[in-house]
Protein backbone atom coordinates (compact mmCIF):
# COMPACT_ATOMS: atom_id res chain seq x y z
CA MET A 1 175.13 -66.00 103.75
CA ALA A 2 172.05 -65.25 105.70
CA ASP A 3 172.52 -63.05 108.85
CA SER A 4 171.12 -66.11 110.73
CA ASP A 5 174.02 -67.93 109.37
CA ILE A 6 176.64 -65.22 110.35
CA ARG A 7 175.72 -65.16 113.92
CA SER A 8 175.52 -68.63 114.63
CA TYR A 9 178.64 -69.02 116.59
CA THR A 10 178.53 -69.09 120.17
CA PHE A 11 179.92 -65.70 120.78
CA GLY A 12 179.02 -64.38 117.41
CA THR A 13 181.35 -62.60 115.14
CA LEU A 14 181.82 -59.14 116.21
CA VAL A 15 182.64 -58.46 120.08
CA THR A 16 183.85 -55.46 121.62
CA ALA A 17 186.23 -55.55 124.84
CA MET A 18 183.91 -52.90 126.44
CA VAL A 19 185.55 -50.04 128.54
CA THR A 20 184.26 -49.68 131.83
CA PRO A 21 182.77 -46.07 132.54
CA PHE A 22 183.68 -44.19 135.61
CA THR A 23 182.22 -40.99 137.57
CA ASN A 24 184.28 -37.84 137.88
CA ASP A 25 185.31 -39.54 141.34
CA GLY A 26 186.62 -42.75 139.61
CA ASP A 27 183.93 -45.03 140.88
CA VAL A 28 182.38 -47.64 138.43
CA ASP A 29 179.17 -45.45 136.57
CA TYR A 30 176.80 -48.56 136.21
CA GLN A 31 174.16 -46.53 134.33
CA LYS A 32 176.90 -45.44 131.73
CA SER A 33 177.97 -49.12 131.74
CA ALA A 34 174.44 -50.34 130.89
CA GLU A 35 173.87 -47.52 128.26
CA LEU A 36 177.05 -48.37 126.45
CA ALA A 37 176.46 -51.74 126.38
CA SER A 38 172.76 -51.22 124.97
CA LYS A 39 174.41 -49.03 122.39
CA LEU A 40 177.18 -51.44 121.13
CA VAL A 41 174.67 -54.07 120.55
CA ASP A 42 172.12 -51.89 118.86
CA ASP A 43 174.93 -50.82 116.72
CA GLY A 44 175.92 -54.06 115.77
CA ASN A 45 177.80 -56.27 118.45
CA ASP A 46 177.06 -59.87 119.00
CA ALA A 47 178.64 -60.03 122.11
CA LEU A 48 180.65 -58.04 125.09
CA VAL A 49 183.84 -58.74 126.93
CA ILE A 50 183.17 -56.94 130.23
CA SER A 51 186.10 -56.47 132.62
CA GLY A 52 188.88 -57.50 130.20
CA THR A 53 192.03 -55.70 129.55
CA THR A 54 189.84 -52.82 127.93
CA GLY A 55 187.53 -52.67 130.78
CA GLU A 56 190.58 -51.94 133.34
CA THR A 57 189.97 -55.62 134.88
CA SER A 58 193.37 -54.92 136.85
CA THR A 59 191.94 -52.09 138.73
CA LEU A 60 188.24 -53.10 139.29
CA GLU A 61 187.43 -55.02 142.60
CA ASP A 62 185.88 -58.00 142.32
CA ASP A 63 182.20 -56.91 143.86
CA GLU A 64 182.73 -54.22 141.01
CA LYS A 65 183.33 -57.01 138.51
CA GLU A 66 180.40 -59.19 139.62
CA LYS A 67 177.66 -56.05 139.69
CA LEU A 68 179.07 -55.05 136.12
CA PHE A 69 178.25 -58.47 134.87
CA ARG A 70 175.00 -58.73 136.56
CA VAL A 71 174.28 -54.98 135.33
CA ILE A 72 175.40 -55.68 131.35
CA VAL A 73 173.26 -59.04 131.36
CA GLU A 74 170.35 -56.99 132.58
CA ALA A 75 170.61 -54.29 130.02
CA VAL A 76 171.27 -56.56 126.77
CA GLY A 77 169.03 -58.90 127.75
CA ASP A 78 168.96 -61.80 125.33
CA ARG A 79 170.09 -59.66 122.51
CA ALA A 80 173.99 -60.44 123.03
CA LYS A 81 176.15 -62.53 124.88
CA VAL A 82 178.06 -61.25 127.81
CA ILE A 83 181.54 -62.53 128.45
CA ALA A 84 182.92 -62.19 131.50
CA GLY A 85 186.59 -61.37 131.95
CA THR A 86 187.50 -63.77 134.93
CA GLY A 87 191.16 -64.44 134.14
CA THR A 88 194.09 -63.37 136.36
CA ASN A 89 197.82 -64.93 137.18
CA HIS A 90 196.31 -66.34 140.17
CA THR A 91 194.51 -69.49 139.50
CA SER A 92 192.30 -69.75 142.64
CA HIS A 93 191.14 -66.46 142.31
CA SER A 94 190.19 -66.86 138.57
CA ILE A 95 188.27 -69.92 139.48
CA GLU A 96 186.37 -67.50 142.40
CA MET A 97 185.68 -65.23 139.53
CA ALA A 98 184.15 -67.83 137.44
CA LYS A 99 181.83 -68.90 139.81
CA ARG A 100 180.77 -65.21 140.20
CA ALA A 101 180.18 -64.67 136.81
CA ALA A 102 178.18 -67.47 136.65
CA LYS A 103 176.02 -66.23 139.48
CA ALA A 104 175.63 -62.69 137.79
CA GLY A 105 174.19 -64.66 134.76
CA ALA A 106 177.43 -64.10 132.30
CA HIS A 107 176.83 -66.24 129.04
CA GLY A 108 180.72 -67.18 129.08
CA GLN A 109 183.96 -66.23 130.35
CA LEU A 110 187.31 -65.01 128.78
CA ILE A 111 190.59 -66.40 130.44
CA VAL A 112 193.48 -64.91 129.68
CA THR A 113 197.08 -66.40 129.53
CA PRO A 114 198.39 -66.21 133.17
CA TYR A 115 200.31 -62.80 133.33
CA TYR A 116 203.86 -61.92 134.96
CA ASN A 117 204.39 -65.55 136.40
CA LYS A 118 205.79 -66.81 132.95
CA PRO A 119 204.66 -70.38 133.47
CA SER A 120 205.17 -73.38 130.98
CA GLN A 121 202.91 -74.46 128.48
CA ALA A 122 201.66 -77.34 131.08
CA GLY A 123 201.05 -74.74 133.87
CA ILE A 124 199.13 -72.69 131.20
CA GLN A 125 197.17 -75.64 130.08
CA ALA A 126 196.34 -76.71 133.40
CA HIS A 127 195.34 -73.04 134.89
CA ILE A 128 192.91 -72.72 132.11
CA GLU A 129 191.16 -76.00 132.34
CA ALA A 130 190.94 -75.54 135.77
CA VAL A 131 188.98 -72.05 135.38
CA ALA A 132 186.90 -73.67 132.73
CA ASP A 133 185.87 -76.52 134.84
CA ALA A 134 184.93 -73.85 137.77
CA ALA A 135 181.69 -72.77 136.15
CA ASP A 136 179.33 -74.29 133.54
CA LEU A 137 180.08 -71.44 130.97
CA PRO A 138 181.33 -71.79 127.58
CA VAL A 139 185.14 -70.32 127.24
CA MET A 140 187.07 -68.13 125.00
CA VAL A 141 190.82 -68.44 125.80
CA TYR A 142 192.93 -65.17 125.24
CA ASP A 143 196.21 -65.70 123.82
CA ILE A 144 198.24 -62.19 124.16
CA PRO A 145 201.85 -62.72 125.02
CA GLY A 146 202.90 -58.93 124.59
CA ARG A 147 200.77 -58.65 128.13
CA ALA A 148 201.24 -62.01 129.58
CA GLY A 149 204.89 -62.46 128.69
CA VAL A 150 204.54 -66.11 127.26
CA PRO A 151 202.26 -67.33 124.26
CA ILE A 152 200.11 -70.24 123.91
CA LEU A 153 201.72 -72.34 121.57
CA PRO A 154 199.54 -74.09 118.78
CA GLU A 155 200.09 -77.32 120.26
CA THR A 156 198.74 -76.40 123.76
CA MET A 157 195.71 -74.76 122.09
CA ILE A 158 195.09 -77.92 120.35
CA ARG A 159 195.05 -79.58 123.42
CA LEU A 160 193.02 -77.21 125.07
CA ALA A 161 190.27 -77.43 122.51
CA ASP A 162 189.54 -80.82 123.59
CA HIS A 163 187.79 -79.28 126.59
CA SER A 164 184.28 -79.41 126.33
CA ARG A 165 183.81 -75.73 127.49
CA ILE A 166 186.83 -74.15 125.71
CA VAL A 167 185.14 -73.13 122.26
CA ALA A 168 186.54 -70.14 121.14
CA LEU A 169 190.42 -68.27 121.02
CA LYS A 170 191.00 -64.55 120.74
CA ASP A 171 194.32 -64.69 119.27
CA ALA A 172 196.60 -61.32 119.75
CA LYS A 173 200.08 -62.54 119.25
CA ALA A 174 200.19 -61.63 115.58
CA ASP A 175 201.52 -64.74 114.40
CA PHE A 176 200.02 -66.02 111.33
CA ALA A 177 201.68 -69.08 111.03
CA ALA A 178 200.43 -70.37 114.67
CA VAL A 179 196.91 -69.42 113.97
CA THR A 180 196.86 -71.03 111.05
CA LYS A 181 197.98 -74.45 112.79
CA VAL A 182 195.06 -73.88 115.41
CA LEU A 183 192.69 -73.29 112.63
CA ALA A 184 193.57 -76.17 110.71
CA ASN A 185 193.43 -78.92 113.76
CA THR A 186 190.72 -77.37 115.94
CA ASP A 187 187.09 -76.86 115.81
CA LEU A 188 187.25 -73.68 117.77
CA ASP A 189 186.04 -70.15 116.79
CA VAL A 190 189.08 -68.17 116.25
CA TYR A 191 188.81 -64.42 116.66
CA SER A 192 191.45 -61.83 115.83
CA GLY A 193 192.77 -59.93 119.01
CA ASP A 194 194.33 -57.33 116.71
CA ASP A 195 191.63 -54.85 115.00
CA GLY A 196 194.03 -54.31 112.24
CA LEU A 197 194.74 -58.28 111.28
CA THR A 198 191.03 -59.03 111.22
CA LEU A 199 190.85 -59.14 107.63
CA PRO A 200 193.84 -61.56 106.93
CA TRP A 201 193.01 -63.80 109.64
CA MET A 202 189.29 -64.11 108.51
CA ALA A 203 190.51 -65.17 105.05
CA ALA A 204 192.47 -68.30 106.90
CA GLY A 205 189.15 -69.04 108.98
CA ALA A 206 188.96 -66.81 112.05
CA VAL A 207 185.04 -66.28 112.68
CA GLY A 208 185.35 -62.26 113.33
CA LEU A 209 186.78 -59.74 115.87
CA VAL A 210 187.00 -58.83 119.48
CA SER A 211 187.81 -55.40 119.15
CA VAL A 212 188.60 -52.05 120.98
CA SER A 213 188.18 -49.53 117.82
CA ALA A 214 184.69 -51.22 117.36
CA HIS A 215 183.95 -48.83 120.24
CA VAL A 216 184.38 -46.14 117.66
CA ALA A 217 183.30 -47.64 114.24
CA THR A 218 181.12 -50.26 115.30
CA ARG A 219 178.59 -50.38 111.81
CA GLN A 220 182.14 -50.34 109.60
CA PHE A 221 183.33 -53.40 111.81
CA ARG A 222 179.95 -55.31 111.23
CA ALA A 223 180.26 -54.57 107.52
CA MET A 224 183.46 -55.86 107.07
CA ILE A 225 183.05 -58.86 108.81
CA ASP A 226 179.59 -59.59 107.45
CA ALA A 227 181.31 -59.04 104.17
CA ALA A 228 184.13 -61.47 104.49
CA LEU A 229 182.02 -64.10 106.21
CA ALA A 230 179.82 -63.74 102.66
CA GLY A 231 182.97 -64.34 100.75
CA ASP A 232 182.94 -60.79 99.34
CA PHE A 233 186.67 -59.67 100.12
CA ALA A 234 186.52 -56.96 97.66
CA THR A 235 184.13 -55.07 99.76
CA ALA A 236 185.73 -56.53 103.18
CA ARG A 237 188.92 -55.11 101.57
CA THR A 238 187.69 -51.59 100.99
CA LEU A 239 186.25 -51.49 104.30
CA HIS A 240 189.52 -52.57 105.98
CA PHE A 241 191.37 -49.85 104.16
CA GLU A 242 188.69 -47.32 105.32
CA LEU A 243 189.00 -48.42 109.05
CA ASP A 244 192.96 -48.10 109.11
CA PRO A 245 192.98 -45.04 110.38
CA VAL A 246 190.69 -45.46 112.78
CA VAL A 247 192.36 -48.68 114.42
CA ARG A 248 195.61 -46.37 114.26
CA ALA A 249 193.87 -43.77 116.29
CA VAL A 250 192.72 -46.23 118.76
CA MET A 251 195.39 -49.02 119.06
CA THR A 252 198.93 -47.06 118.31
CA HIS A 253 199.30 -44.15 120.21
CA ILE A 254 198.23 -44.77 123.91
CA GLN A 255 196.45 -47.61 125.76
CA GLY A 256 193.21 -48.62 124.00
CA ALA A 257 191.17 -48.09 126.81
CA VAL A 258 192.44 -44.53 127.42
CA ALA A 259 192.11 -43.69 123.38
CA ALA A 260 188.60 -45.35 123.24
CA LYS A 261 187.09 -43.24 126.26
CA GLN A 262 188.62 -40.18 124.86
CA VAL A 263 186.49 -40.75 121.36
CA LEU A 264 183.78 -41.90 123.33
CA LYS A 265 183.74 -38.67 125.32
CA TRP A 266 184.06 -36.83 121.80
CA GLN A 267 181.34 -38.40 120.53
CA GLY A 268 179.06 -37.85 123.31
CA VAL A 269 178.78 -41.14 124.59
CA LEU A 270 180.22 -40.74 127.79
CA PRO A 271 180.36 -37.70 129.94
CA ASN A 272 184.08 -37.70 130.44
CA SER A 273 187.43 -40.00 129.71
CA VAL A 274 188.34 -40.82 133.20
CA VAL A 275 190.48 -43.77 133.68
CA ARG A 276 192.17 -45.31 136.96
CA LEU A 277 195.72 -45.37 137.68
CA PRO A 278 198.21 -46.39 136.53
CA LEU A 279 196.53 -45.44 133.40
CA VAL A 280 196.22 -41.45 132.78
CA GLU A 281 194.16 -39.38 130.02
CA PRO A 282 196.05 -38.37 127.01
CA GLY A 283 197.85 -35.32 126.95
CA GLU A 284 197.35 -32.67 124.26
CA ALA A 285 200.13 -34.10 121.84
CA GLU A 286 198.31 -37.60 122.13
CA ILE A 287 194.96 -36.13 121.78
CA GLU A 288 196.35 -34.03 118.24
CA THR A 289 197.79 -37.34 116.98
CA ILE A 290 194.64 -38.93 117.41
CA ARG A 291 192.24 -36.43 116.03
CA GLU A 292 194.52 -36.27 113.03
CA ASP A 293 194.12 -40.14 112.67
CA LEU A 294 190.19 -39.83 112.90
CA ALA A 295 190.01 -36.93 110.54
CA GLU A 296 191.71 -39.07 107.83
CA ALA A 297 188.79 -41.54 108.28
CA GLY A 298 186.29 -38.75 107.97
CA LEU A 299 185.52 -38.19 111.72
CA VAL A 300 186.10 -34.96 113.05
CA TYR A 301 184.90 -34.00 116.55
CA ALA A 302 184.82 -30.47 118.00
């Protein structure tokens, strides 16, 4: 498969949900954010989610988010898509953020299931459609019941797929039967929202991954996804196994943003690993466990 074919989807096939760098004082570091975005795109990302879960959206102010959208769009230009994390559990607030994302030049928006409220499936559908209607941006829906408290049922997702702006799904509920039903009954571009499940999801027809671990190993994830899209599952499987300890390091011990920032600091990409409360930086035991997993993948940092 030609490279141009692999990357023909609205948001491409490898998307990193980018961390938000902070200064030592906890302010958003817009310069480092732009630099990190450029590096991730240079290393093989087709798109970036800005102000998603990993971007610590819950503790970013609206003005910070809008400025981040604008700064990242300017940084990556036409080399990658910028997907603005606009979803909240407050529909009118999400509508306002969708409008701000469009004003800032974002190329799309990520709308997460309303969290904490535990709405019905009808409520979930109405919320997502209202936010999608608010801005002329293609939409990636984010289904993550572990954080939202409720799943988006396949039947709901199939109905949402009829909306002209809803073009993609980030599936993070680890339910293979449910994602299979969506794949079989819609034309949505489906992305794995769990780094470790990318290969089996792609074997069923998903187009790629929205990742946290790709901060650490972008080129390897790029190679695995391209191999799977080309039907070379032997190569993709080898890379899947090689990436397993990286995924464990970033995703299984502490919150993904915390782990990713720590590794980026070790790599010299970020000057610090500052996060905002209620997140805290890792303790020594957690750091040692992350180091052990990364060493298994041949990644050793001083």
